[in-house]
Amino acid sequence: MNEWIDIGRVEDIPLQGARVVRTPQGDVAVFRTIHDEIFALRDRCPHKGGPLSQGIVSGKTVTCPLHNWNIALDTGEAVAPDKGCSGHFPVKVVEGKISLLLPVERVKRASVS
């Protein structure tokens, strides 16, 4: 079972930046594009586990700060020629408030930083 959790407001995330939601199963990076689109990915590059939340957001991709892999924000998939997936999470924005869909076992102890 999954549950939506409120994680903050759109303006809490800098344009072309990210914030991290900590869960017992790992960190989730929540990104904001220049056009105020919000996406959420597991905060681990599929290549070597680099922190995607520290990468550079450009368009609808984030570049891993370790080895420059580009990851699609809408799917979590590495951009060709690279291969792999970080995993993505559904998000919704209602009246400027961001909600993240997580499995219930992750919801109980999730925190935003």
N, C-alpha and C. Protein backbone atom coordinates (compact mmCIF):
# COMPACT_ATOMS: atom_id res chain seq x y z
N MET A 1 0.84 -1.18 0.00
CA MET A 1 0.00 0.00 0.00
C MET A 1 0.88 1.24 0.00
N ASN A 2 0.43 2.28 -0.66
CA ASN A 2 1.16 3.54 -0.75
C ASN A 2 0.37 4.65 -0.09
N GLU A 3 1.09 5.70 0.29
CA GLU A 3 0.45 6.84 0.94
C GLU A 3 1.15 8.12 0.52
N TRP A 4 0.35 9.16 0.27
CA TRP A 4 0.90 10.48 -0.05
C TRP A 4 1.33 11.17 1.23
N ILE A 5 2.54 11.75 1.22
CA ILE A 5 3.00 12.54 2.36
C ILE A 5 3.32 13.95 1.87
N ASP A 6 2.99 14.93 2.68
CA ASP A 6 3.33 16.32 2.37
C ASP A 6 4.80 16.54 2.71
N ILE A 7 5.53 17.16 1.77
CA ILE A 7 6.96 17.35 2.00
C ILE A 7 7.39 18.81 1.92
N GLY A 8 6.45 19.73 1.74
CA GLY A 8 6.81 21.15 1.71
C GLY A 8 6.14 21.86 0.55
N ARG A 9 6.66 23.03 0.27
CA ARG A 9 6.10 23.88 -0.79
C ARG A 9 7.08 23.99 -1.94
N VAL A 10 6.56 24.31 -3.11
CA VAL A 10 7.40 24.44 -4.30
C VAL A 10 8.52 25.44 -4.05
N GLU A 11 8.20 26.58 -3.42
CA GLU A 11 9.22 27.61 -3.21
C GLU A 11 10.30 27.20 -2.20
N ASP A 12 10.11 26.09 -1.50
CA ASP A 12 11.14 25.58 -0.59
C ASP A 12 12.32 24.97 -1.35
N ILE A 13 12.10 24.66 -2.62
CA ILE A 13 13.15 24.07 -3.46
C ILE A 13 13.64 25.15 -4.42
N PRO A 14 14.94 25.42 -4.46
CA PRO A 14 15.41 26.45 -5.38
C PRO A 14 15.19 26.05 -6.84
N LEU A 15 14.97 27.04 -7.71
CA LEU A 15 14.89 26.74 -9.14
C LEU A 15 16.13 25.99 -9.57
N GLN A 16 15.95 24.95 -10.35
CA GLN A 16 17.02 24.09 -10.84
C GLN A 16 17.82 23.49 -9.68
N GLY A 17 17.13 23.20 -8.58
CA GLY A 17 17.79 22.62 -7.41
C GLY A 17 17.01 21.45 -6.87
N ALA A 18 17.39 21.00 -5.67
CA ALA A 18 16.78 19.82 -5.07
C ALA A 18 16.77 19.93 -3.55
N ARG A 19 15.91 19.15 -2.95
CA ARG A 19 15.86 18.91 -1.51
C ARG A 19 15.81 17.41 -1.32
N VAL A 20 16.17 16.95 -0.13
CA VAL A 20 16.21 15.51 0.15
C VAL A 20 15.17 15.14 1.19
N VAL A 21 14.43 14.06 0.91
CA VAL A 21 13.51 13.47 1.87
C VAL A 21 14.18 12.18 2.34
N ARG A 22 14.43 12.09 3.63
CA ARG A 22 15.11 10.91 4.19
C ARG A 22 14.07 9.87 4.60
N THR A 23 14.30 8.63 4.17
CA THR A 23 13.42 7.52 4.53
C THR A 23 14.29 6.39 5.06
N PRO A 24 13.73 5.44 5.80
CA PRO A 24 14.53 4.31 6.29
C PRO A 24 15.17 3.49 5.17
N GLN A 25 14.56 3.48 3.99
CA GLN A 25 15.11 2.71 2.88
C GLN A 25 16.03 3.53 1.97
N GLY A 26 16.28 4.77 2.29
CA GLY A 26 17.16 5.59 1.48
C GLY A 26 16.58 6.97 1.20
N ASP A 27 17.44 7.84 0.75
CA ASP A 27 17.06 9.22 0.48
C ASP A 27 16.36 9.36 -0.87
N VAL A 28 15.40 10.29 -0.91
CA VAL A 28 14.70 10.64 -2.14
C VAL A 28 15.01 12.10 -2.43
N ALA A 29 15.49 12.37 -3.65
CA ALA A 29 15.78 13.74 -4.08
C ALA A 29 14.55 14.30 -4.79
N VAL A 30 14.11 15.48 -4.38
CA VAL A 30 12.96 16.14 -4.98
C VAL A 30 13.49 17.37 -5.71
N PHE A 31 13.27 17.42 -7.02
CA PHE A 31 13.84 18.44 -7.89
C PHE A 31 12.79 19.43 -8.37
N ARG A 32 13.26 20.66 -8.64
CA ARG A 32 12.41 21.71 -9.24
C ARG A 32 13.12 22.24 -10.48
N THR A 33 12.42 22.20 -11.60
CA THR A 33 13.02 22.70 -12.85
C THR A 33 12.81 24.21 -12.95
N ILE A 34 13.40 24.79 -13.96
CA ILE A 34 13.27 26.23 -14.21
C ILE A 34 11.81 26.61 -14.48
N HIS A 35 10.99 25.62 -14.92
CA HIS A 35 9.58 25.87 -15.22
C HIS A 35 8.67 25.42 -14.08
N ASP A 36 9.23 25.28 -12.87
CA ASP A 36 8.48 24.90 -11.66
C ASP A 36 7.89 23.49 -11.72
N GLU A 37 8.43 22.63 -12.55
CA GLU A 37 8.01 21.23 -12.55
C GLU A 37 8.73 20.53 -11.40
N ILE A 38 8.05 19.61 -10.73
CA ILE A 38 8.60 18.91 -9.58
C ILE A 38 8.71 17.42 -9.91
N PHE A 39 9.87 16.83 -9.61
CA PHE A 39 10.13 15.42 -9.84
C PHE A 39 10.83 14.84 -8.62
N ALA A 40 10.69 13.53 -8.41
CA ALA A 40 11.37 12.87 -7.29
C ALA A 40 12.04 11.59 -7.78
N LEU A 41 13.31 11.43 -7.41
CA LEU A 41 14.11 10.26 -7.76
C LEU A 41 14.81 9.74 -6.51
N ARG A 42 15.14 8.46 -6.54
CA ARG A 42 16.02 7.93 -5.50
C ARG A 42 17.32 8.72 -5.61
N ASP A 43 17.88 9.12 -4.50
CA ASP A 43 19.05 10.01 -4.49
C ASP A 43 20.35 9.22 -4.68
N ARG A 44 20.35 8.35 -5.68
CA ARG A 44 21.54 7.55 -5.99
C ARG A 44 21.63 7.37 -7.50
N CYS A 45 22.72 7.82 -8.06
CA CYS A 45 22.96 7.60 -9.48
C CYS A 45 23.10 6.09 -9.73
N PRO A 46 22.52 5.58 -10.82
CA PRO A 46 22.63 4.14 -11.09
C PRO A 46 24.05 3.71 -11.46
N HIS A 47 24.93 4.63 -11.73
CA HIS A 47 26.31 4.30 -12.12
C HIS A 47 27.15 3.91 -10.91
N LYS A 48 27.39 4.84 -10.01
CA LYS A 48 28.25 4.59 -8.84
C LYS A 48 27.62 5.08 -7.54
N GLY A 49 26.33 5.39 -7.57
CA GLY A 49 25.64 5.79 -6.35
C GLY A 49 25.83 7.22 -5.93
N GLY A 50 26.27 8.08 -6.84
CA GLY A 50 26.46 9.49 -6.51
C GLY A 50 25.16 10.16 -6.08
N PRO A 51 25.26 11.20 -5.26
CA PRO A 51 24.06 11.90 -4.76
C PRO A 51 23.46 12.82 -5.83
N LEU A 52 22.40 12.38 -6.47
CA LEU A 52 21.78 13.17 -7.53
C LEU A 52 21.29 14.52 -7.03
N SER A 53 20.92 14.61 -5.75
CA SER A 53 20.45 15.88 -5.18
C SER A 53 21.52 16.97 -5.24
N GLN A 54 22.76 16.59 -5.43
CA GLN A 54 23.85 17.56 -5.52
C GLN A 54 24.25 17.85 -6.96
N GLY A 55 23.49 17.28 -7.91
CA GLY A 55 23.78 17.46 -9.32
C GLY A 55 23.21 18.74 -9.88
N ILE A 56 23.49 18.98 -11.15
CA ILE A 56 23.02 20.17 -11.84
C ILE A 56 21.77 19.81 -12.64
N VAL A 57 20.68 20.57 -12.41
CA VAL A 57 19.43 20.35 -13.13
C VAL A 57 19.45 21.22 -14.38
N SER A 58 19.17 20.59 -15.52
CA SER A 58 19.09 21.29 -16.80
C SER A 58 17.93 20.70 -17.58
N GLY A 59 16.96 21.53 -17.90
CA GLY A 59 15.77 21.01 -18.56
C GLY A 59 15.10 19.98 -17.66
N LYS A 60 14.89 18.77 -18.19
CA LYS A 60 14.29 17.70 -17.40
C LYS A 60 15.29 16.59 -17.11
N THR A 61 16.56 16.99 -16.91
CA THR A 61 17.58 16.03 -16.51
C THR A 61 18.39 16.60 -15.35
N VAL A 62 19.05 15.68 -14.64
CA VAL A 62 20.00 16.06 -13.61
C VAL A 62 21.32 15.35 -13.95
N THR A 63 22.42 16.06 -13.78
CA THR A 63 23.73 15.49 -14.05
C THR A 63 24.37 15.07 -12.74
N CYS A 64 24.75 13.80 -12.65
CA CYS A 64 25.38 13.30 -11.44
C CYS A 64 26.68 14.05 -11.18
N PRO A 65 26.92 14.49 -9.94
CA PRO A 65 28.12 15.25 -9.65
C PRO A 65 29.41 14.42 -9.67
N LEU A 66 29.31 13.10 -9.65
CA LEU A 66 30.52 12.26 -9.63
C LEU A 66 31.10 11.99 -11.01
N HIS A 67 30.28 11.54 -11.95
CA HIS A 67 30.81 11.11 -13.24
C HIS A 67 30.03 11.64 -14.43
N ASN A 68 29.23 12.68 -14.21
CA ASN A 68 28.52 13.39 -15.28
C ASN A 68 27.50 12.57 -16.04
N TRP A 69 26.96 11.53 -15.45
CA TRP A 69 25.84 10.83 -16.09
C TRP A 69 24.63 11.74 -16.02
N ASN A 70 23.83 11.74 -17.09
CA ASN A 70 22.58 12.49 -17.11
C ASN A 70 21.43 11.54 -16.85
N ILE A 71 20.54 11.94 -15.93
CA ILE A 71 19.41 11.13 -15.52
C ILE A 71 18.12 11.91 -15.82
N ALA A 72 17.18 11.25 -16.51
CA ALA A 72 15.89 11.88 -16.82
C ALA A 72 15.07 12.03 -15.54
N LEU A 73 14.62 13.24 -15.26
CA LEU A 73 13.87 13.49 -14.03
C LEU A 73 12.49 12.83 -14.03
N ASP A 74 11.89 12.66 -15.20
CA ASP A 74 10.54 12.10 -15.24
C ASP A 74 10.50 10.57 -15.15
N THR A 75 11.63 9.90 -15.39
CA THR A 75 11.64 8.43 -15.34
C THR A 75 12.72 7.84 -14.43
N GLY A 76 13.77 8.61 -14.18
CA GLY A 76 14.91 8.08 -13.42
C GLY A 76 15.89 7.32 -14.28
N GLU A 77 15.62 7.20 -15.59
CA GLU A 77 16.48 6.46 -16.51
C GLU A 77 17.70 7.29 -16.91
N ALA A 78 18.84 6.62 -17.03
CA ALA A 78 20.04 7.26 -17.55
C ALA A 78 19.81 7.60 -19.02
N VAL A 79 20.36 8.74 -19.45
CA VAL A 79 20.24 9.18 -20.84
C VAL A 79 21.31 8.46 -21.66
N ALA A 80 20.93 7.92 -22.83
CA ALA A 80 21.85 7.19 -23.70
C ALA A 80 23.08 8.04 -24.00
N PRO A 81 24.24 7.44 -24.08
CA PRO A 81 24.50 6.02 -24.20
C PRO A 81 24.56 5.26 -22.86
N ASP A 82 24.44 5.99 -21.76
CA ASP A 82 24.50 5.33 -20.45
C ASP A 82 23.22 4.55 -20.20
N LYS A 83 23.31 3.53 -19.33
CA LYS A 83 22.16 2.68 -19.04
C LYS A 83 22.02 2.49 -17.55
N GLY A 84 20.78 2.44 -17.08
CA GLY A 84 20.49 2.23 -15.66
C GLY A 84 19.34 3.11 -15.25
N CYS A 85 18.84 2.88 -14.05
CA CYS A 85 17.71 3.66 -13.55
C CYS A 85 17.88 3.88 -12.05
N SER A 86 17.68 5.13 -11.64
CA SER A 86 17.78 5.44 -10.21
C SER A 86 16.48 5.11 -9.49
N GLY A 87 15.38 5.07 -10.21
CA GLY A 87 14.07 4.88 -9.61
C GLY A 87 13.42 6.23 -9.37
N HIS A 88 12.14 6.34 -9.68
CA HIS A 88 11.44 7.61 -9.47
C HIS A 88 10.20 7.38 -8.63
N PHE A 89 9.69 8.47 -8.07
CA PHE A 89 8.53 8.44 -7.19
C PHE A 89 7.50 9.43 -7.71
N PRO A 90 6.22 9.08 -7.67
CA PRO A 90 5.17 10.03 -8.07
C PRO A 90 5.11 11.22 -7.11
N VAL A 91 4.90 12.40 -7.68
CA VAL A 91 4.69 13.61 -6.90
C VAL A 91 3.45 14.32 -7.43
N LYS A 92 2.84 15.12 -6.56
CA LYS A 92 1.75 15.99 -7.01
C LYS A 92 1.90 17.32 -6.30
N VAL A 93 1.44 18.36 -6.98
CA VAL A 93 1.48 19.71 -6.43
C VAL A 93 0.06 20.25 -6.45
N VAL A 94 -0.43 20.63 -5.27
CA VAL A 94 -1.76 21.21 -5.14
C VAL A 94 -1.62 22.51 -4.36
N GLU A 95 -1.99 23.61 -5.01
CA GLU A 95 -1.90 24.93 -4.40
C GLU A 95 -0.51 25.20 -3.81
N GLY A 96 0.51 24.81 -4.55
CA GLY A 96 1.89 25.06 -4.14
C GLY A 96 2.47 24.07 -3.16
N LYS A 97 1.67 23.13 -2.66
CA LYS A 97 2.14 22.13 -1.71
C LYS A 97 2.52 20.85 -2.45
N ILE A 98 3.70 20.31 -2.12
CA ILE A 98 4.21 19.11 -2.76
C ILE A 98 3.90 17.89 -1.90
N SER A 99 3.38 16.84 -2.56
CA SER A 99 3.17 15.55 -1.90
C SER A 99 3.94 14.49 -2.66
N LEU A 100 4.46 13.53 -1.93
CA LEU A 100 5.28 12.44 -2.46
C LEU A 100 4.61 11.13 -2.12
N LEU A 101 4.52 10.23 -3.10
CA LEU A 101 3.91 8.92 -2.88
C LEU A 101 4.98 7.91 -2.49
N LEU A 102 4.86 7.38 -1.27
CA LEU A 102 5.81 6.39 -0.75
C LEU A 102 5.06 5.18 -0.22
N PRO A 103 5.69 4.02 -0.26
CA PRO A 103 5.08 2.86 0.41
C PRO A 103 4.89 3.17 1.89
N VAL A 104 3.83 2.66 2.48
CA VAL A 104 3.47 2.98 3.87
C VAL A 104 4.62 2.75 4.83
N GLU A 105 5.38 1.68 4.69
CA GLU A 105 6.47 1.43 5.64
C GLU A 105 7.52 2.52 5.61
N ARG A 106 7.64 3.25 4.51
CA ARG A 106 8.58 4.36 4.44
C ARG A 106 7.98 5.64 5.02
N VAL A 107 6.68 5.75 5.01
CA VAL A 107 6.02 6.98 5.43
C VAL A 107 6.20 7.22 6.92
N LYS A 108 6.13 6.20 7.72
CA LYS A 108 6.11 6.35 9.17
C LYS A 108 7.31 7.12 9.71
N ARG A 109 8.49 6.99 9.08
CA ARG A 109 9.67 7.64 9.63
C ARG A 109 10.36 8.56 8.63
N ALA A 110 9.67 8.98 7.59
CA ALA A 110 10.28 9.85 6.60
C ALA A 110 10.42 11.27 7.16
N SER A 111 11.51 11.94 6.81
CA SER A 111 11.71 13.33 7.22
C SER A 111 12.31 14.11 6.07
N VAL A 112 12.05 15.41 6.03
CA VAL A 112 12.54 16.28 4.98
C VAL A 112 13.71 17.08 5.50
N SER A 113 14.76 17.20 4.67
CA SER A 113 15.88 18.06 5.06
C SER A 113 16.22 19.03 3.96
